[in-house]
Amino acid sequence: MTTPNKAGIYIHIPFCVKKCNYCAFLSGPAGPEVRQAYVNHLIEEIRLRSREVPEADTIYFGGGTPSLLTPEQIGHILEEVGKAFRITEGAEVTLEANPGTLTEESLAGYGNAGINRLSMGVQSMDDRRLRYLGRIHTAEEVRRDVKMAREAGFHNINLDLIFAIPGTEVSDAMEDLEAIAALEPEHISFYSLQLEEGTSFFRDFEAGKLREVPDETDREMYHRGIQVLREKGYRHYEISNFARPGYESRHNSKYWNMAEYVGLGLGASSYTGHRRMVNETDLKAYSEMLGRGELAFMEVHENSEGDDISEAVFTGLRREEGVRYRDVLGSEAAFWEYFREALPEAREYETGGFLEMTDEGLRLTERGIDISNGIMALFV
């Protein structure tokens, strides 16, 4: 099975101003002293995992809200990453940021530290919906922060948008999408809201206080959104992601292309040397392990060849271009010999208009995306 040569580096920053009502990510509020102590332990992990991959051409700060760290802290982390790993010149270096946490000075500082791509968690451009979601910013702050980022020299900006917010109609989702597109970001991530256990929204749902948007409305929002973004010149290159040509997320593409990536920080996942590792999710345990000079792995799984093959198909089907047989098993004949039990059902999905199959590979149609989990399950 072929995989891209260069790896990605993911750095988890688990801090935020306040927990949003829908958020199940490993994150929470913390003061400056806790954040600095975390940076110190993160740097220790970077040093311990030096040269784990031959070369990396993307670095991604995710969270949480990485923009709660100072430019100096981000710069220090990047400096240590540069010492520990071989980083390709011109690497894509992304910082997730929340509107309302940015200033002209911090944006200039992040740029000087080496950040060249911003990913901003907007989620809605309606202040009532933002309050309902538990966001800390307003729509006007989004407009202000995008303008400040442009003035600070950022030419590669992603804006995240959530649709299917409880109580909304298709027109509300399209209103949000038009307002986001009007800011002319290079990249838009367009996600359906999911109710996750442990969140405020999930507790409200269990108590009967929250009603999900009906599935048919959710799907209409999604397909209308695809049409709107295509008309505005965005390429729908992955199930939830749209980009101007040449601005596809190089880092996130690692996950869908079975490239290696090193995950650093609390709860971060890695895939290197055909092993999947997950870091400790308890901050105290993570810090203590690194304080003793130990790697902070909580789980390590050695992927079999079968694991890698199934994952390559499962993740590859998320991409617009789908899966090429030669990348997975060398040829069409070898691919379908390996997945011979899946072929009859795959043909049924093809006949139904959900799956396109050629002599080079297979891909989901736009209709197929709606039942993608069932199709992907054929190859697991």
Protein backbone atom coordinates (compact mmCIF):
# COMPACT_ATOMS: atom_id res chain seq x y z
CA MET A 1 0.00 0.00 0.00
CA THR A 2 1.42 3.41 -0.96
CA THR A 3 1.26 6.44 1.34
CA PRO A 4 2.53 10.01 0.96
CA ASN A 5 6.12 10.41 2.15
CA LYS A 6 5.88 13.48 4.36
CA ALA A 7 4.17 13.48 7.73
CA GLY A 8 2.11 15.99 9.67
CA ILE A 9 2.52 17.21 13.23
CA TYR A 10 -0.56 17.88 15.36
CA ILE A 11 -0.24 19.83 18.61
CA HIS A 12 -3.20 19.80 21.00
CA ILE A 13 -3.87 22.86 23.14
CA PRO A 14 -6.65 21.81 25.55
CA PHE A 15 -7.66 25.24 26.87
CA CYS A 16 -10.67 27.46 26.13
CA VAL A 17 -12.39 30.48 27.64
CA LYS A 18 -15.53 28.45 28.38
CA LYS A 19 -16.99 25.13 27.28
CA CYS A 20 -19.48 25.46 24.42
CA ASN A 21 -22.83 23.72 24.74
CA TYR A 22 -22.12 21.24 21.92
CA CYS A 23 -18.41 20.61 22.56
CA ALA A 24 -17.13 17.13 23.42
CA PHE A 25 -13.47 17.90 22.71
CA LEU A 26 -10.81 17.43 25.35
CA SER A 27 -10.68 21.04 26.55
CA GLY A 28 -11.60 23.39 29.36
CA PRO A 29 -10.76 26.72 31.03
CA ALA A 30 -7.37 27.20 32.71
CA GLY A 31 -5.32 30.13 33.99
CA PRO A 32 -1.99 31.44 32.64
CA GLU A 33 0.13 29.40 35.09
CA VAL A 34 -1.51 26.11 34.07
CA ARG A 35 -1.11 27.01 30.40
CA GLN A 36 2.60 27.76 30.83
CA ALA A 37 3.19 24.53 32.76
CA TYR A 38 1.46 22.66 29.94
CA VAL A 39 3.69 24.31 27.35
CA ASN A 40 6.74 23.18 29.34
CA HIS A 41 5.52 19.57 29.38
CA LEU A 42 4.60 19.75 25.71
CA ILE A 43 8.14 20.83 24.88
CA GLU A 44 9.47 17.87 26.87
CA GLU A 45 7.27 15.55 24.79
CA ILE A 46 8.53 17.15 21.57
CA ARG A 47 12.12 16.45 22.64
CA LEU A 48 11.34 12.85 23.64
CA ARG A 49 9.73 12.13 20.26
CA SER A 50 12.44 13.75 18.17
CA ARG A 51 12.88 12.25 14.66
CA GLU A 52 9.85 9.97 15.00
CA VAL A 53 9.11 10.70 11.34
CA PRO A 54 11.67 11.43 8.57
CA GLU A 55 10.15 14.75 7.49
CA ALA A 56 6.99 16.79 8.06
CA ASP A 57 5.41 19.44 5.86
CA THR A 58 2.41 20.45 8.01
CA ILE A 59 2.04 21.56 11.62
CA TYR A 60 -1.41 22.05 13.13
CA PHE A 61 -2.28 23.63 16.49
CA GLY A 62 -5.75 22.34 17.45
CA GLY A 63 -7.86 22.60 20.55
CA GLY A 64 -9.51 23.89 22.57
CA THR A 65 -8.49 27.38 21.66
CA PRO A 66 -4.79 27.55 20.74
CA SER A 67 -5.09 31.33 20.34
CA LEU A 68 -5.21 31.52 24.16
CA LEU A 69 -1.47 30.90 24.07
CA THR A 70 0.70 33.95 23.56
CA PRO A 71 2.67 34.40 20.33
CA GLU A 72 5.80 33.85 22.43
CA GLN A 73 4.51 30.47 23.63
CA ILE A 74 3.52 29.44 20.11
CA GLY A 75 6.92 30.60 18.85
CA HIS A 76 8.74 28.61 21.55
CA ILE A 77 6.80 25.45 20.64
CA LEU A 78 7.53 25.91 16.92
CA GLU A 79 11.20 26.50 17.67
CA GLU A 80 11.39 23.19 19.55
CA VAL A 81 9.46 21.38 16.80
CA GLY A 82 12.01 22.73 14.30
CA LYS A 83 14.86 21.33 16.38
CA ALA A 84 13.24 17.94 16.92
CA PHE A 85 11.88 17.27 13.44
CA ARG A 86 12.94 17.95 9.88
CA ILE A 87 10.37 20.48 8.65
CA THR A 88 9.98 21.12 4.92
CA GLU A 89 10.56 24.66 3.75
CA GLY A 90 7.18 26.25 3.03
CA ALA A 91 5.34 23.93 5.43
CA GLU A 92 1.69 24.68 6.15
CA VAL A 93 1.47 25.86 9.78
CA THR A 94 -2.11 26.23 11.07
CA LEU A 95 -3.39 27.81 14.26
CA GLU A 96 -6.98 27.27 15.36
CA ALA A 97 -8.34 30.52 16.77
CA ASN A 98 -11.60 31.70 18.26
CA PRO A 99 -12.99 35.08 17.31
CA GLY A 100 -12.91 37.28 20.38
CA THR A 101 -9.47 36.03 21.46
CA LEU A 102 -7.46 37.84 18.78
CA THR A 103 -5.86 41.28 18.64
CA GLU A 104 -3.80 43.12 16.04
CA GLU A 105 -0.73 42.50 18.18
CA SER A 106 -1.34 38.77 18.69
CA LEU A 107 -2.05 38.20 14.99
CA ALA A 108 1.16 39.95 14.03
CA GLY A 109 2.99 37.90 16.66
CA TYR A 110 1.59 34.59 15.40
CA GLY A 111 2.63 35.48 11.87
CA ASN A 112 6.14 36.35 13.03
CA ALA A 113 6.30 33.07 14.97
CA GLY A 114 5.66 31.09 11.78
CA ILE A 115 1.88 30.61 11.58
CA ASN A 116 0.76 30.96 7.95
CA ARG A 117 -2.79 29.56 8.11
CA LEU A 118 -5.63 30.49 10.47
CA SER A 119 -8.63 28.27 11.19
CA MET A 120 -11.33 30.23 12.96
CA GLY A 121 -14.25 28.62 14.79
CA VAL A 122 -17.07 30.91 13.68
CA GLN A 123 -19.98 28.37 13.79
CA SER A 124 -22.70 30.95 13.04
CA MET A 125 -23.07 34.56 11.92
CA ASP A 126 -26.24 35.15 13.93
CA ASP A 127 -25.75 36.48 17.46
CA ARG A 128 -28.78 34.61 18.87
CA ARG A 129 -27.51 31.31 17.51
CA LEU A 130 -24.02 32.07 18.80
CA ARG A 131 -25.37 32.64 22.32
CA TYR A 132 -27.41 29.44 22.09
CA LEU A 133 -24.29 27.49 21.09
CA GLY A 134 -22.39 29.01 24.02
CA ARG A 135 -19.88 30.88 21.86
CA ILE A 136 -18.00 33.83 23.36
CA HIS A 137 -17.99 36.03 20.25
CA THR A 138 -20.43 38.01 18.09
CA ALA A 139 -20.84 38.12 14.32
CA GLU A 140 -19.31 41.59 14.28
CA GLU A 141 -16.22 40.28 16.06
CA VAL A 142 -15.87 37.64 13.35
CA ARG A 143 -15.88 40.34 10.65
CA ARG A 144 -13.42 42.43 12.65
CA ASP A 145 -11.04 39.52 13.30
CA VAL A 146 -11.01 38.36 9.67
CA LYS A 147 -10.22 41.93 8.62
CA MET A 148 -7.43 42.15 11.22
CA ALA A 149 -6.01 38.81 10.07
CA ARG A 150 -5.88 40.06 6.47
CA GLU A 151 -4.15 43.24 7.56
CA ALA A 152 -1.66 41.12 9.55
CA GLY A 153 -0.75 39.30 6.34
CA PHE A 154 -2.74 36.07 6.53
CA HIS A 155 -3.69 34.87 3.05
CA ASN A 156 -4.92 31.40 4.00
CA ILE A 157 -7.94 31.43 6.32
CA ASN A 158 -10.48 28.71 7.11
CA LEU A 159 -13.82 29.50 8.72
CA ASP A 160 -15.81 26.74 10.47
CA LEU A 161 -19.59 26.78 10.23
CA ILE A 162 -22.11 24.51 11.99
CA PHE A 163 -25.50 23.78 10.44
CA ALA A 164 -28.53 21.85 11.79
CA ILE A 165 -28.53 23.89 15.00
CA PRO A 166 -31.70 22.99 16.95
CA GLY A 167 -34.57 25.32 16.10
CA THR A 168 -33.17 26.41 12.73
CA GLU A 169 -34.59 26.07 9.22
CA VAL A 170 -32.84 25.67 5.87
CA SER A 171 -33.06 29.44 5.33
CA ASP A 172 -31.14 30.05 8.58
CA ALA A 173 -28.29 27.75 7.51
CA MET A 174 -28.10 29.44 4.08
CA GLU A 175 -28.11 32.87 5.73
CA ASP A 176 -25.11 31.81 7.84
CA LEU A 177 -23.36 30.35 4.81
CA GLU A 178 -23.85 33.47 2.69
CA ALA A 179 -22.51 35.63 5.54
CA ILE A 180 -19.44 33.40 5.91
CA ALA A 181 -18.80 33.31 2.16
CA ALA A 182 -19.05 37.11 2.02
CA LEU A 183 -15.86 37.24 4.12
CA GLU A 184 -14.10 35.43 1.24
CA PRO A 185 -12.10 32.84 3.20
CA GLU A 186 -9.91 30.48 1.23
CA HIS A 187 -11.44 27.48 3.00
CA ILE A 188 -14.79 26.68 4.65
CA SER A 189 -15.57 23.71 6.89
CA PHE A 190 -19.33 23.04 6.90
CA TYR A 191 -20.42 20.61 9.62
CA SER A 192 -23.72 19.20 10.82
CA LEU A 193 -24.15 19.60 14.59
CA GLN A 194 -23.88 16.25 16.36
CA LEU A 195 -25.13 15.61 19.88
CA GLU A 196 -22.22 14.16 21.85
CA GLU A 197 -22.40 12.52 25.26
CA GLY A 198 -21.07 14.69 28.07
CA THR A 199 -22.17 17.96 26.48
CA SER A 200 -24.75 20.45 27.73
CA PHE A 201 -26.82 19.88 24.58
CA PHE A 202 -26.85 16.11 25.12
CA ARG A 203 -28.08 16.54 28.68
CA ASP A 204 -30.85 18.84 27.42
CA PHE A 205 -31.75 16.26 24.77
CA GLU A 206 -32.02 13.48 27.36
CA ALA A 207 -34.18 15.73 29.53
CA GLY A 208 -36.51 16.43 26.61
CA LYS A 209 -35.54 20.11 26.44
CA LEU A 210 -33.87 19.95 23.02
CA ARG A 211 -35.19 18.65 19.71
CA GLU A 212 -32.78 17.80 16.91
CA VAL A 213 -33.31 19.16 13.44
CA PRO A 214 -35.11 16.44 11.40
CA ASP A 215 -32.80 14.33 9.22
CA GLU A 216 -34.46 15.47 6.00
CA THR A 217 -33.92 19.14 6.97
CA ASP A 218 -30.30 18.41 7.92
CA ARG A 219 -29.68 16.81 4.51
CA GLU A 220 -31.40 19.65 2.65
CA MET A 221 -29.18 22.15 4.47
CA TYR A 222 -26.11 20.14 3.48
CA HIS A 223 -26.96 19.70 -0.20
CA ARG A 224 -28.11 23.32 -0.58
CA GLY A 225 -24.84 24.36 1.07
CA ILE A 226 -22.80 22.29 -1.39
CA GLN A 227 -24.60 23.97 -4.29
CA VAL A 228 -24.08 27.48 -2.88
CA LEU A 229 -20.38 26.95 -2.23
CA ARG A 230 -19.73 25.39 -5.63
CA GLU A 231 -21.40 28.36 -7.29
CA LYS A 232 -19.05 30.62 -5.32
CA GLY A 233 -15.98 28.80 -6.62
CA TYR A 234 -15.25 26.45 -3.72
CA ARG A 235 -14.20 22.89 -4.48
CA HIS A 236 -15.97 20.25 -2.39
CA TYR A 237 -12.87 18.14 -1.82
CA GLU A 238 -13.94 16.24 1.33
CA ILE A 239 -17.31 15.45 2.91
CA SER A 240 -17.30 18.54 5.18
CA ASN A 241 -14.62 20.69 3.55
CA PHE A 242 -14.58 23.23 0.73
CA ALA A 243 -11.64 25.21 -0.61
CA ARG A 244 -10.58 27.64 -3.28
CA PRO A 245 -8.32 25.76 -5.72
CA GLY A 246 -4.91 25.22 -4.12
CA TYR A 247 -6.12 25.97 -0.57
CA GLU A 248 -7.21 22.49 0.50
CA SER A 249 -6.04 21.72 4.05
CA ARG A 250 -2.73 19.94 3.56
CA HIS A 251 -2.68 18.83 7.19
CA ASN A 252 -6.19 17.38 7.43
CA SER A 253 -5.58 15.62 4.12
CA LYS A 254 -2.94 13.55 5.94
CA TYR A 255 -5.73 11.81 7.86
CA TRP A 256 -7.66 10.94 4.69
CA ASN A 257 -4.55 9.87 2.74
CA MET A 258 -3.12 7.49 5.38
CA ALA A 259 -0.03 9.67 5.77
CA GLU A 260 1.88 9.50 9.04
CA TYR A 261 1.28 12.13 11.72
CA VAL A 262 2.73 12.79 15.14
CA GLY A 263 0.18 13.87 17.75
CA LEU A 264 1.64 15.92 20.60
CA GLY A 265 -0.17 17.05 23.72
CA LEU A 266 -3.01 15.90 25.93
CA GLY A 267 -5.12 13.15 24.33
CA ALA A 268 -3.46 13.59 20.92
CA SER A 269 -3.52 10.68 18.45
CA SER A 270 -0.60 9.58 16.27
CA TYR A 271 -0.07 7.24 13.34
CA THR A 272 3.58 6.41 12.70
CA GLY A 273 5.36 3.20 11.76
CA HIS A 274 2.00 1.42 11.28
CA ARG A 275 1.17 2.09 14.93
CA ARG A 276 -1.74 4.11 16.27
CA MET A 277 -1.05 5.79 19.60
CA VAL A 278 -3.23 7.90 21.88
CA ASN A 279 -1.77 10.15 24.56
CA GLU A 280 -2.94 10.25 28.16
CA THR A 281 -6.17 12.27 28.51
CA ASP A 282 -5.72 13.22 32.18
CA LEU A 283 -3.69 16.42 32.49
CA LYS A 284 -2.12 15.42 35.82
CA ALA A 285 -1.08 11.99 34.54
CA TYR A 286 0.20 13.47 31.25
CA SER A 287 2.30 16.02 33.12
CA GLU A 288 3.67 13.51 35.64
CA MET A 289 4.71 11.01 32.95
CA LEU A 290 6.57 13.65 30.98
CA GLY A 291 8.05 15.03 34.19
CA ARG A 292 9.64 11.60 34.68
CA GLY A 293 10.95 11.66 31.11
CA GLU A 294 8.42 9.03 29.95
CA LEU A 295 6.31 9.03 26.82
CA ALA A 296 2.69 9.83 27.66
CA PHE A 297 1.01 7.09 25.61
CA MET A 298 -2.25 5.74 27.02
CA GLU A 299 -2.91 3.33 24.13
CA VAL A 300 -0.68 1.77 21.47
CA HIS A 301 -2.11 -0.40 18.69
CA GLU A 302 0.03 -2.16 16.10
CA ASN A 303 -1.88 -1.97 12.83
CA SER A 304 -1.97 -5.16 10.82
CA GLU A 305 -1.78 -4.98 7.03
CA GLY A 306 -5.54 -5.58 7.02
CA ASP A 307 -6.08 -2.64 9.41
CA ASP A 308 -4.11 -0.32 7.12
CA ILE A 309 -5.97 -1.48 4.01
CA SER A 310 -9.42 -1.05 5.58
CA GLU A 311 -8.53 2.34 7.04
CA ALA A 312 -7.17 3.51 3.68
CA VAL A 313 -10.51 2.77 2.02
CA PHE A 314 -12.62 4.07 4.90
CA THR A 315 -10.80 7.41 5.11
CA GLY A 316 -10.20 7.70 1.36
CA LEU A 317 -13.91 7.56 0.63
CA ARG A 318 -14.27 10.86 2.50
CA ARG A 319 -12.37 12.58 -0.33
CA GLU A 320 -13.95 13.90 -3.51
CA GLU A 321 -11.60 11.80 -5.66
CA GLY A 322 -12.26 8.73 -3.54
CA VAL A 323 -9.95 5.70 -3.49
CA ARG A 324 -7.53 4.57 -6.19
CA TYR A 325 -7.06 0.81 -6.33
CA ARG A 326 -3.35 1.07 -7.09
CA ASP A 327 -2.71 3.14 -3.94
CA VAL A 328 -4.31 0.50 -1.73
CA LEU A 329 -3.54 -2.89 -3.26
CA GLY A 330 -1.66 -2.21 -6.49
CA SER A 331 -4.39 -2.93 -9.03
CA GLU A 332 -8.15 -3.22 -9.58
CA ALA A 333 -7.93 -7.02 -9.70
CA ALA A 334 -6.00 -7.23 -6.44
CA PHE A 335 -8.37 -4.76 -4.74
CA TRP A 336 -11.53 -6.69 -5.58
CA GLU A 337 -9.90 -10.03 -4.86
CA TYR A 338 -9.16 -8.74 -1.35
CA PHE A 339 -12.69 -7.24 -0.98
CA ARG A 340 -14.51 -9.89 -3.00
CA GLU A 341 -17.20 -10.30 -0.30
CA ALA A 342 -17.97 -6.56 -0.49
CA LEU A 343 -18.29 -6.47 -4.29
CA PRO A 344 -21.97 -7.53 -4.65
CA GLU A 345 -23.20 -4.87 -2.21
CA ALA A 346 -20.85 -2.28 -3.76
CA ARG A 347 -22.46 -3.02 -7.13
CA GLU A 348 -25.90 -2.47 -5.58
CA TYR A 349 -24.79 0.92 -4.26
CA GLU A 350 -23.43 1.72 -7.72
CA THR A 351 -26.74 0.80 -9.37
CA GLY A 352 -28.58 2.95 -6.82
CA GLY A 353 -26.48 5.97 -7.68
CA PHE A 354 -24.62 6.12 -4.38
CA LEU A 355 -21.20 4.91 -5.49
CA GLU A 356 -19.16 5.46 -8.65
CA MET A 357 -16.86 2.58 -9.65
CA THR A 358 -14.35 2.74 -12.50
CA ASP A 359 -11.33 0.70 -13.54
CA GLU A 360 -9.18 3.11 -11.49
CA GLY A 361 -11.09 3.40 -8.25
CA LEU A 362 -14.31 4.19 -6.44
CA ARG A 363 -15.87 7.29 -4.93
CA LEU A 364 -19.06 8.34 -3.18
CA THR A 365 -21.59 10.34 -5.17
CA GLU A 366 -23.22 13.34 -3.54
CA ARG A 367 -26.22 11.10 -2.73
CA GLY A 368 -23.85 8.48 -1.39
CA ILE A 369 -22.46 10.89 1.19
CA ASP A 370 -25.82 10.74 3.00
CA ILE A 371 -25.36 7.00 3.61
CA SER A 372 -21.56 7.04 3.69
CA ASN A 373 -21.23 5.09 6.95
CA GLY A 374 -23.06 2.11 5.48
CA ILE A 375 -20.93 2.13 2.34
CA MET A 376 -17.67 2.56 4.24
CA ALA A 377 -18.61 -0.30 6.56
CA LEU A 378 -18.37 -2.70 3.60
CA PHE A 379 -14.59 -2.29 3.66
CA VAL A 380 -13.94 -2.54 7.40
